[in-house]
Amino acid sequence: MKKSLGVHIILEFFGCDPNSLTRRDYVEKIMMEAAQKANTHTIGTFFHQFKPHGVSGVIVIEESHISIHTWPEYGFAAIDFFYCSDHVDAEKAIEILTEGFKPARISRIEFARGNAKELHAPQTNPEQVLTIA
């Protein structure tokens, strides 16, 4: 039995080359390459170029999604990678993203989504909220 329905990886890239985070076409190219090399199947994409700078984008994949938000003025990128398949190679995607944006430092948080034990647990107070700050 699977331990969870999916895996969610939250990446923060610090100290990136601002030029790599500025142009929509470059950000989209790196993200698409990461999705492809990770063995995912793209359903659709949307990328937006902000003025004066920065890019937001999402790739919807059969396995879930990959998204990015960039702040070139800080050399920072926030990336989410959520997938629900044992065939996805998340490490390969992260390798491509690292090569493309060249962060000086990476923060990574990874957690299971849809924990199998919780899926079959009795219902509790639906207003319970966990806030991580």
Protein backbone atom coordinates (compact mmCIF):
# COMPACT_ATOMS: atom_id res chain seq x y z
CA MET A 1 0.00 0.00 0.00
CA LYS A 2 1.26 3.47 -0.87
CA LYS A 3 2.16 5.72 2.05
CA SER A 4 0.56 8.76 0.41
CA LEU A 5 -1.25 9.95 -2.68
CA GLY A 6 1.52 12.34 -3.67
CA VAL A 7 4.67 14.25 -2.85
CA HIS A 8 4.92 18.04 -2.61
CA ILE A 9 8.35 19.66 -2.85
CA ILE A 10 8.69 23.35 -2.02
CA LEU A 11 11.93 24.87 -3.30
CA GLU A 12 13.37 28.30 -2.59
CA PHE A 13 16.29 29.32 -4.77
CA PHE A 14 18.42 32.13 -3.33
CA GLY A 15 21.22 34.03 -5.05
CA CYS A 16 20.16 33.18 -8.61
CA ASP A 17 21.50 35.08 -11.59
CA PRO A 18 18.84 37.81 -11.96
CA ASN A 19 19.02 37.52 -15.77
CA SER A 20 17.86 33.90 -15.57
CA LEU A 21 14.74 34.95 -13.66
CA THR A 22 13.75 37.96 -15.76
CA ARG A 23 12.59 36.65 -19.14
CA ARG A 24 9.43 34.60 -19.50
CA ASP A 25 10.77 32.64 -22.47
CA TYR A 26 13.88 31.50 -20.56
CA VAL A 27 11.98 30.61 -17.37
CA GLU A 28 9.42 28.66 -19.39
CA LYS A 29 12.16 26.80 -21.30
CA ILE A 30 13.91 25.68 -18.09
CA MET A 31 10.64 24.68 -16.42
CA MET A 32 9.51 22.67 -19.47
CA GLU A 33 12.87 20.92 -19.67
CA ALA A 34 12.64 20.05 -15.95
CA ALA A 35 9.13 18.64 -16.44
CA GLN A 36 10.24 16.59 -19.43
CA LYS A 37 13.40 15.21 -17.79
CA ALA A 38 11.37 14.31 -14.68
CA ASN A 39 9.28 11.94 -16.81
CA THR A 40 6.04 13.92 -16.44
CA HIS A 41 3.32 14.43 -19.03
CA THR A 42 2.38 18.04 -19.75
CA ILE A 43 -1.31 18.90 -20.12
CA GLY A 44 -1.00 22.69 -20.37
CA THR A 45 1.09 25.71 -19.44
CA PHE A 46 0.67 29.35 -18.57
CA PHE A 47 3.53 31.82 -18.00
CA HIS A 48 3.20 35.54 -17.35
CA GLN A 49 5.85 38.28 -17.67
CA PHE A 50 5.48 41.03 -15.06
CA LYS A 51 6.50 44.65 -15.61
CA PRO A 52 9.08 45.80 -14.72
CA HIS A 53 10.37 42.28 -14.02
CA GLY A 54 9.55 38.81 -12.74
CA VAL A 55 7.76 35.76 -14.07
CA SER A 56 5.04 33.49 -12.76
CA GLY A 57 4.19 30.23 -14.42
CA VAL A 58 2.55 26.88 -14.03
CA ILE A 59 2.82 23.61 -15.88
CA VAL A 60 -0.16 21.35 -15.34
CA ILE A 61 1.01 17.77 -15.67
CA GLU A 62 -0.96 14.52 -15.61
CA GLU A 63 0.82 13.85 -12.33
CA SER A 64 -0.25 17.28 -10.85
CA HIS A 65 1.74 20.54 -11.34
CA ILE A 66 5.00 22.47 -11.30
CA SER A 67 4.92 26.23 -10.64
CA ILE A 68 7.37 29.10 -10.29
CA HIS A 69 7.35 32.73 -9.16
CA THR A 70 10.50 34.82 -9.65
CA TRP A 71 11.85 37.99 -8.07
CA PRO A 72 14.90 38.90 -10.19
CA GLU A 73 15.55 42.00 -8.09
CA TYR A 74 16.29 39.65 -5.16
CA GLY A 75 17.78 36.78 -7.17
CA PHE A 76 14.97 34.61 -5.74
CA ALA A 77 12.67 31.94 -7.17
CA ALA A 78 9.88 30.06 -5.39
CA ILE A 79 9.14 26.70 -7.01
CA ASP A 80 6.46 24.11 -6.19
CA PHE A 81 6.55 20.58 -7.54
CA PHE A 82 3.60 18.36 -6.67
CA TYR A 83 3.35 14.91 -8.20
CA CYS A 84 1.30 11.75 -7.70
CA SER A 85 3.26 9.05 -9.52
CA ASP A 86 6.09 6.70 -8.67
CA HIS A 87 7.47 7.20 -12.18
CA VAL A 88 8.36 10.88 -11.64
CA ASP A 89 12.07 11.66 -11.17
CA ALA A 90 11.91 14.76 -8.98
CA GLU A 91 15.67 14.78 -8.45
CA LYS A 92 16.25 15.09 -12.21
CA ALA A 93 13.83 18.04 -12.35
CA ILE A 94 15.63 19.75 -9.47
CA GLU A 95 18.97 19.16 -11.20
CA ILE A 96 17.69 20.89 -14.38
CA LEU A 97 16.21 23.79 -12.37
CA THR A 98 19.48 24.22 -10.48
CA GLU A 99 21.53 24.22 -13.69
CA GLY A 100 19.15 26.72 -15.30
CA PHE A 101 18.79 29.25 -12.46
CA LYS A 102 22.15 28.70 -10.72
CA PRO A 103 21.13 29.40 -7.13
CA ALA A 104 23.84 30.02 -4.55
CA ARG A 105 21.63 28.34 -1.94
CA ILE A 106 18.55 26.12 -1.97
CA SER A 107 15.93 25.57 0.71
CA ARG A 108 13.87 22.39 0.24
CA ILE A 109 10.81 21.20 2.11
CA GLU A 110 9.22 17.92 1.11
CA PHE A 111 6.12 16.32 2.49
CA ALA A 112 3.57 13.63 1.68
CA ARG A 113 0.12 14.71 0.53
CA GLY A 114 -2.89 12.52 1.24
CA ASN A 115 -1.29 10.37 3.92
CA ALA A 116 -2.79 6.87 3.55
CA LYS A 117 -3.38 6.49 7.29
CA GLU A 118 -5.22 9.81 7.43
CA LEU A 119 -7.39 8.94 4.43
CA HIS A 120 -8.92 6.08 6.41
CA ALA A 121 -8.94 7.75 9.84
CA PRO A 122 -12.20 8.74 11.53
CA GLN A 123 -13.34 12.30 10.85
CA THR A 124 -12.33 14.91 13.41
CA ASN A 125 -13.04 18.59 13.79
CA PRO A 126 -13.00 19.97 10.22
CA GLU A 127 -11.92 23.38 11.51
CA GLN A 128 -8.51 22.16 12.65
CA VAL A 129 -5.86 24.25 10.97
CA LEU A 130 -2.12 23.79 10.94
CA THR A 131 -0.19 26.95 10.22
CA ILE A 132 3.53 26.80 9.51
CA ALA A 133 5.25 30.16 9.79
